[in-house]
Amino acid sequence: MCQCPANRGKKRCRIHGGANGSGGQKGERNGAFKHGGWSNDAVALRRAAGRLLRVVRDSGRAVE
């Protein structure tokens, strides 16, 4: 995090501040989500797959 103090009357420092409302558009208009790899459904699917793999790995160790 930047340790510079905020400018008088502002919430951010002069170097790292950025204007209010600056940055990319929200959601699909940004263009970074075209493939859907970071959609809520895709993330949930990857998490579920990871949990399943851990269960299978742990059950294999219990047999040995």
PDB file of N, CA and C in Angstrom:
ATOM      1  N   MET A   1       0.835  -1.176   0.000  1.00  0.00           N
ATOM      2  CA  MET A   1       0.000   0.000   0.000  1.00  0.00           C
ATOM      3  C   MET A   1       0.879   1.238   0.000  1.00  0.00           C
ATOM      4  N   CYS A   2       0.422   2.271  -0.626  1.00  0.00           N
ATOM      5  CA  CYS A   2       1.158   3.522  -0.695  1.00  0.00           C
ATOM      6  C   CYS A   2       1.098   4.218   0.666  1.00  0.00           C
ATOM      7  N   GLN A   3       2.221   4.726   1.106  1.00  0.00           N
ATOM      8  CA  GLN A   3       2.279   5.414   2.393  1.00  0.00           C
ATOM      9  C   GLN A   3       2.200   6.927   2.247  1.00  0.00           C
ATOM     10  N   CYS A   4       2.006   7.429   1.033  1.00  0.00           N
ATOM     11  CA  CYS A   4       1.889   8.870   0.816  1.00  0.00           C
ATOM     12  C   CYS A   4       0.591   9.380   1.426  1.00  0.00           C
ATOM     13  N   PRO A   5       0.624  10.582   2.008  1.00  0.00           N
ATOM     14  CA  PRO A   5      -0.619  11.116   2.568  1.00  0.00           C
ATOM     15  C   PRO A   5      -1.567  11.560   1.465  1.00  0.00           C
ATOM     16  N   ALA A   6      -2.841  11.566   1.763  1.00  0.00           N
ATOM     17  CA  ALA A   6      -3.832  12.038   0.801  1.00  0.00           C
ATOM     18  C   ALA A   6      -3.714  13.546   0.653  1.00  0.00           C
ATOM     19  N   ASN A   7      -4.017  14.046  -0.536  1.00  0.00           N
ATOM     20  CA  ASN A   7      -4.023  15.488  -0.757  1.00  0.00           C
ATOM     21  C   ASN A   7      -5.127  16.129   0.070  1.00  0.00           C
ATOM     22  N   ARG A   8      -4.967  17.393   0.352  1.00  0.00           N
ATOM     23  CA  ARG A   8      -5.957  18.111   1.147  1.00  0.00           C
ATOM     24  C   ARG A   8      -7.312  18.076   0.436  1.00  0.00           C
ATOM     25  N   GLY A   9      -8.323  17.614   1.132  1.00  0.00           N
ATOM     26  CA  GLY A   9      -9.661  17.537   0.572  1.00  0.00           C
ATOM     27  C   GLY A   9      -9.900  16.322  -0.316  1.00  0.00           C
ATOM     28  N   LYS A  10      -8.919  15.450  -0.438  1.00  0.00           N
ATOM     29  CA  LYS A  10      -9.040  14.266  -1.294  1.00  0.00           C
ATOM     30  C   LYS A  10      -8.910  13.008  -0.445  1.00  0.00           C
ATOM     31  N   LYS A  11      -9.242  11.858  -1.048  1.00  0.00           N
ATOM     32  CA  LYS A  11      -9.139  10.587  -0.337  1.00  0.00           C
ATOM     33  C   LYS A  11      -7.883   9.822  -0.717  1.00  0.00           C
ATOM     34  N   ARG A  12      -7.182  10.262  -1.783  1.00  0.00           N
ATOM     35  CA  ARG A  12      -6.021   9.513  -2.277  1.00  0.00           C
ATOM     36  C   ARG A  12      -4.833  10.441  -2.465  1.00  0.00           C
ATOM     37  N   CYS A  13      -3.646   9.864  -2.583  1.00  0.00           N
ATOM     38  CA  CYS A  13      -2.441  10.668  -2.812  1.00  0.00           C
ATOM     39  C   CYS A  13      -2.397  11.145  -4.258  1.00  0.00           C
ATOM     40  N   ARG A  14      -1.528  12.086  -4.558  1.00  0.00           N
ATOM     41  CA  ARG A  14      -1.473  12.681  -5.892  1.00  0.00           C
ATOM     42  C   ARG A  14      -0.889  11.724  -6.918  1.00  0.00           C
ATOM     43  N   ILE A  15      -0.097  10.766  -6.491  1.00  0.00           N
ATOM     44  CA  ILE A  15       0.555   9.856  -7.431  1.00  0.00           C
ATOM     45  C   ILE A  15      -0.353   8.685  -7.791  1.00  0.00           C
ATOM     46  N   HIS A  16      -0.988   8.113  -6.801  1.00  0.00           N
ATOM     47  CA  HIS A  16      -1.755   6.887  -7.018  1.00  0.00           C
ATOM     48  C   HIS A  16      -3.261   7.109  -6.998  1.00  0.00           C
ATOM     49  N   GLY A  17      -3.703   8.322  -6.999  1.00  0.00           N
ATOM     50  CA  GLY A  17      -5.112   8.631  -6.790  1.00  0.00           C
ATOM     51  C   GLY A  17      -6.056   8.190  -7.871  1.00  0.00           C
ATOM     52  N   GLY A  18      -5.894   8.725  -9.055  1.00  0.00           N
ATOM     53  CA  GLY A  18      -6.886   8.452 -10.089  1.00  0.00           C
ATOM     54  C   GLY A  18      -8.141   9.254  -9.842  1.00  0.00           C
ATOM     55  N   ALA A  19      -8.770   9.675 -10.892  1.00  0.00           N
ATOM     56  CA  ALA A  19      -9.987  10.472 -10.764  1.00  0.00           C
ATOM     57  C   ALA A  19     -11.159   9.578 -10.387  1.00  0.00           C
ATOM     58  N   ASN A  20     -12.148  10.159  -9.767  1.00  0.00           N
ATOM     59  CA  ASN A  20     -13.365   9.406  -9.468  1.00  0.00           C
ATOM     60  C   ASN A  20     -13.995   8.942 -10.769  1.00  0.00           C
ATOM     61  N   GLY A  21     -14.378   7.684 -10.813  1.00  0.00           N
ATOM     62  CA  GLY A  21     -15.001   7.140 -12.009  1.00  0.00           C
ATOM     63  C   GLY A  21     -14.021   6.661 -13.054  1.00  0.00           C
ATOM     64  N   SER A  22     -12.724   6.775 -12.807  1.00  0.00           N
ATOM     65  CA  SER A  22     -11.759   6.295 -13.795  1.00  0.00           C
ATOM     66  C   SER A  22     -11.642   4.783 -13.706  1.00  0.00           C
ATOM     67  N   GLY A  23     -11.119   4.187 -14.744  1.00  0.00           N
ATOM     68  CA  GLY A  23     -10.981   2.735 -14.796  1.00  0.00           C
ATOM     69  C   GLY A  23     -11.919   2.147 -15.822  1.00  0.00           C
ATOM     70  N   GLY A  24     -11.880   0.852 -15.941  1.00  0.00           N
ATOM     71  CA  GLY A  24     -12.684   0.171 -16.945  1.00  0.00           C
ATOM     72  C   GLY A  24     -14.147   0.101 -16.559  1.00  0.00           C
ATOM     73  N   GLN A  25     -14.962  -0.226 -17.555  1.00  0.00           N
ATOM     74  CA  GLN A  25     -16.387  -0.395 -17.297  1.00  0.00           C
ATOM     75  C   GLN A  25     -16.605  -1.647 -16.471  1.00  0.00           C
ATOM     76  N   LYS A  26     -17.753  -1.738 -15.883  1.00  0.00           N
ATOM     77  CA  LYS A  26     -18.085  -2.887 -15.053  1.00  0.00           C
ATOM     78  C   LYS A  26     -18.636  -4.029 -15.903  1.00  0.00           C
ATOM     79  N   GLY A  27     -18.335  -5.236 -15.500  1.00  0.00           N
ATOM     80  CA  GLY A  27     -18.938  -6.426 -16.092  1.00  0.00           C
ATOM     81  C   GLY A  27     -18.548  -6.699 -17.525  1.00  0.00           C
ATOM     82  N   GLU A  28     -19.505  -7.103 -18.330  1.00  0.00           N
ATOM     83  CA  GLU A  28     -19.247  -7.551 -19.686  1.00  0.00           C
ATOM     84  C   GLU A  28     -18.732  -6.441 -20.589  1.00  0.00           C
ATOM     85  N   ARG A  29     -19.049  -5.196 -20.291  1.00  0.00           N
ATOM     86  CA  ARG A  29     -18.606  -4.092 -21.136  1.00  0.00           C
ATOM     87  C   ARG A  29     -17.094  -3.903 -21.081  1.00  0.00           C
ATOM     88  N   ASN A  30     -16.438  -4.466 -20.079  1.00  0.00           N
ATOM     89  CA  ASN A  30     -14.993  -4.346 -19.966  1.00  0.00           C
ATOM     90  C   ASN A  30     -14.289  -5.173 -21.036  1.00  0.00           C
ATOM     91  N   GLY A  31     -14.870  -6.263 -21.441  1.00  0.00           N
ATOM     92  CA  GLY A  31     -14.273  -7.101 -22.461  1.00  0.00           C
ATOM     93  C   GLY A  31     -13.331  -8.152 -21.907  1.00  0.00           C
ATOM     94  N   ALA A  32     -13.122  -8.172 -20.608  1.00  0.00           N
ATOM     95  CA  ALA A  32     -12.200  -9.125 -20.011  1.00  0.00           C
ATOM     96  C   ALA A  32     -12.887 -10.441 -19.659  1.00  0.00           C
ATOM     97  N   PHE A  33     -14.182 -10.563 -19.924  1.00  0.00           N
ATOM     98  CA  PHE A  33     -14.920 -11.732 -19.484  1.00  0.00           C
ATOM     99  C   PHE A  33     -15.551 -12.472 -20.655  1.00  0.00           C
ATOM    100  N   LYS A  34     -14.971 -12.369 -21.834  1.00  0.00           N
ATOM    101  CA  LYS A  34     -15.580 -12.939 -23.032  1.00  0.00           C
ATOM    102  C   LYS A  34     -15.655 -14.458 -22.983  1.00  0.00           C
ATOM    103  N   HIS A  35     -14.658 -15.109 -22.409  1.00  0.00           N
ATOM    104  CA  HIS A  35     -14.622 -16.568 -22.410  1.00  0.00           C
ATOM    105  C   HIS A  35     -15.396 -17.184 -21.258  1.00  0.00           C
ATOM    106  N   GLY A  36     -15.711 -16.423 -20.228  1.00  0.00           N
ATOM    107  CA  GLY A  36     -16.487 -16.936 -19.106  1.00  0.00           C
ATOM    108  C   GLY A  36     -15.679 -17.750 -18.111  1.00  0.00           C
ATOM    109  N   GLY A  37     -14.351 -17.725 -18.219  1.00  0.00           N
ATOM    110  CA  GLY A  37     -13.516 -18.514 -17.324  1.00  0.00           C
ATOM    111  C   GLY A  37     -13.556 -18.049 -15.882  1.00  0.00           C
ATOM    112  N   TRP A  38     -13.944 -16.808 -15.653  1.00  0.00           N
ATOM    113  CA  TRP A  38     -14.013 -16.293 -14.289  1.00  0.00           C
ATOM    114  C   TRP A  38     -15.440 -15.991 -13.874  1.00  0.00           C
ATOM    115  N   SER A  39     -16.419 -16.586 -14.551  1.00  0.00           N
ATOM    116  CA  SER A  39     -17.803 -16.415 -14.126  1.00  0.00           C
ATOM    117  C   SER A  39     -18.010 -17.156 -12.808  1.00  0.00           C
ATOM    118  N   ASN A  40     -19.057 -16.804 -12.102  1.00  0.00           N
ATOM    119  CA  ASN A  40     -19.331 -17.458 -10.810  1.00  0.00           C
ATOM    120  C   ASN A  40     -19.498 -18.958 -10.980  1.00  0.00           C
ATOM    121  N   ASP A  41     -20.142 -19.379 -12.062  1.00  0.00           N
ATOM    122  CA  ASP A  41     -20.350 -20.808 -12.298  1.00  0.00           C
ATOM    123  C   ASP A  41     -19.033 -21.526 -12.546  1.00  0.00           C
ATOM    124  N   ALA A  42     -18.142 -20.916 -13.344  1.00  0.00           N
ATOM    125  CA  ALA A  42     -16.868 -21.555 -13.660  1.00  0.00           C
ATOM    126  C   ALA A  42     -15.992 -21.670 -12.419  1.00  0.00           C
ATOM    127  N   VAL A  43     -15.968 -20.627 -11.601  1.00  0.00           N
ATOM    128  CA  VAL A  43     -15.172 -20.664 -10.371  1.00  0.00           C
ATOM    129  C   VAL A  43     -15.719 -21.727  -9.424  1.00  0.00           C
ATOM    130  N   ALA A  44     -17.036 -21.794  -9.300  1.00  0.00           N
ATOM    131  CA  ALA A  44     -17.649 -22.807  -8.426  1.00  0.00           C
ATOM    132  C   ALA A  44     -17.347 -24.215  -8.925  1.00  0.00           C
ATOM    133  N   LEU A  45     -17.346 -24.409 -10.234  1.00  0.00           N
ATOM    134  CA  LEU A  45     -17.030 -25.723 -10.803  1.00  0.00           C
ATOM    135  C   LEU A  45     -15.587 -26.129 -10.498  1.00  0.00           C
ATOM    136  N   ARG A  46     -14.663 -25.186 -10.631  1.00  0.00           N
ATOM    137  CA  ARG A  46     -13.258 -25.496 -10.318  1.00  0.00           C
ATOM    138  C   ARG A  46     -13.070 -25.812  -8.845  1.00  0.00           C
ATOM    139  N   ARG A  47     -13.761 -25.088  -7.989  1.00  0.00           N
ATOM    140  CA  ARG A  47     -13.657 -25.367  -6.549  1.00  0.00           C
ATOM    141  C   ARG A  47     -14.207 -26.749  -6.218  1.00  0.00           C
ATOM    142  N   ALA A  48     -15.324 -27.095  -6.821  1.00  0.00           N
ATOM    143  CA  ALA A  48     -15.925 -28.409  -6.583  1.00  0.00           C
ATOM    144  C   ALA A  48     -15.007 -29.513  -7.088  1.00  0.00           C
ATOM    145  N   ALA A  49     -14.381 -29.298  -8.240  1.00  0.00           N
ATOM    146  CA  ALA A  49     -13.449 -30.293  -8.777  1.00  0.00           C
ATOM    147  C   ALA A  49     -12.254 -30.460  -7.846  1.00  0.00           C
ATOM    148  N   GLY A  50     -11.764 -29.365  -7.294  1.00  0.00           N
ATOM    149  CA  GLY A  50     -10.652 -29.440  -6.350  1.00  0.00           C
ATOM    150  C   GLY A  50     -11.013 -30.207  -5.098  1.00  0.00           C
ATOM    151  N   ARG A  51     -12.228 -29.960  -4.598  1.00  0.00           N
ATOM    152  CA  ARG A  51     -12.679 -30.698  -3.409  1.00  0.00           C
ATOM    153  C   ARG A  51     -12.788 -32.189  -3.700  1.00  0.00           C
ATOM    154  N   LEU A  52     -13.317 -32.531  -4.872  1.00  0.00           N
ATOM    155  CA  LEU A  52     -13.446 -33.936  -5.254  1.00  0.00           C
ATOM    156  C   LEU A  52     -12.077 -34.595  -5.371  1.00  0.00           C
ATOM    157  N   LEU A  53     -11.126 -33.904  -5.983  1.00  0.00           N
ATOM    158  CA  LEU A  53      -9.774 -34.465  -6.099  1.00  0.00           C
ATOM    159  C   LEU A  53      -9.139 -34.687  -4.736  1.00  0.00           C
ATOM    160  N   ARG A  54      -9.358 -33.763  -3.802  1.00  0.00           N
ATOM    161  CA  ARG A  54      -8.807 -33.940  -2.457  1.00  0.00           C
ATOM    162  C   ARG A  54      -9.416 -35.155  -1.769  1.00  0.00           C
ATOM    163  N   VAL A  55     -10.714 -35.352  -1.940  1.00  0.00           N
ATOM    164  CA  VAL A  55     -11.383 -36.518  -1.335  1.00  0.00           C
ATOM    165  C   VAL A  55     -10.820 -37.803  -1.919  1.00  0.00           C
ATOM    166  N   VAL A  56     -10.651 -37.852  -3.235  1.00  0.00           N
ATOM    167  CA  VAL A  56     -10.125 -39.061  -3.886  1.00  0.00           C
ATOM    168  C   VAL A  56      -8.694 -39.315  -3.428  1.00  0.00           C
ATOM    169  N   ARG A  57      -7.878 -38.257  -3.387  1.00  0.00           N
ATOM    170  CA  ARG A  57      -6.491 -38.419  -2.944  1.00  0.00           C
ATOM    171  C   ARG A  57      -6.421 -38.909  -1.505  1.00  0.00           C
ATOM    172  N   ASP A  58      -7.242 -38.312  -0.636  1.00  0.00           N
ATOM    173  CA  ASP A  58      -7.221 -38.705   0.768  1.00  0.00           C
ATOM    174  C   ASP A  58      -7.741 -40.126   0.972  1.00  0.00           C
ATOM    175  N   SER A  59      -8.729 -40.541   0.188  1.00  0.00           N
ATOM    176  CA  SER A  59      -9.252 -41.903   0.329  1.00  0.00           C
ATOM    177  C   SER A  59      -8.218 -42.914  -0.154  1.00  0.00           C
ATOM    178  N   GLY A  60      -7.416 -42.565  -1.132  1.00  0.00           N
ATOM    179  CA  GLY A  60      -6.357 -43.452  -1.619  1.00  0.00           C
ATOM    180  C   GLY A  60      -5.268 -43.630  -0.580  1.00  0.00           C
ATOM    181  N   ARG A  61      -4.989 -42.583   0.166  1.00  0.00           N
ATOM    182  CA  ARG A  61      -3.974 -42.680   1.218  1.00  0.00           C
ATOM    183  C   ARG A  61      -4.450 -43.517   2.384  1.00  0.00           C
ATOM    184  N   ALA A  62      -5.758 -43.511   2.634  1.00  0.00           N
ATOM    185  CA  ALA A  62      -6.305 -44.283   3.742  1.00  0.00           C
ATOM    186  C   ALA A  62      -6.225 -45.781   3.470  1.00  0.00           C
ATOM    187  N   VAL A  63      -6.242 -46.180   2.186  1.00  0.00           N
ATOM    188  CA  VAL A  63      -6.184 -47.591   1.819  1.00  0.00           C
ATOM    189  C   VAL A  63      -4.787 -48.152   2.034  1.00  0.00           C
ATOM    190  N   GLU A  64      -3.787 -47.326   1.785  1.00  0.00           N
ATOM    191  CA  GLU A  64      -2.391 -47.792   1.873  1.00  0.00           C
ATOM    192  C   GLU A  64      -1.992 -48.129   3.247  1.00  0.00           C
TER     193      GLU A  64
END
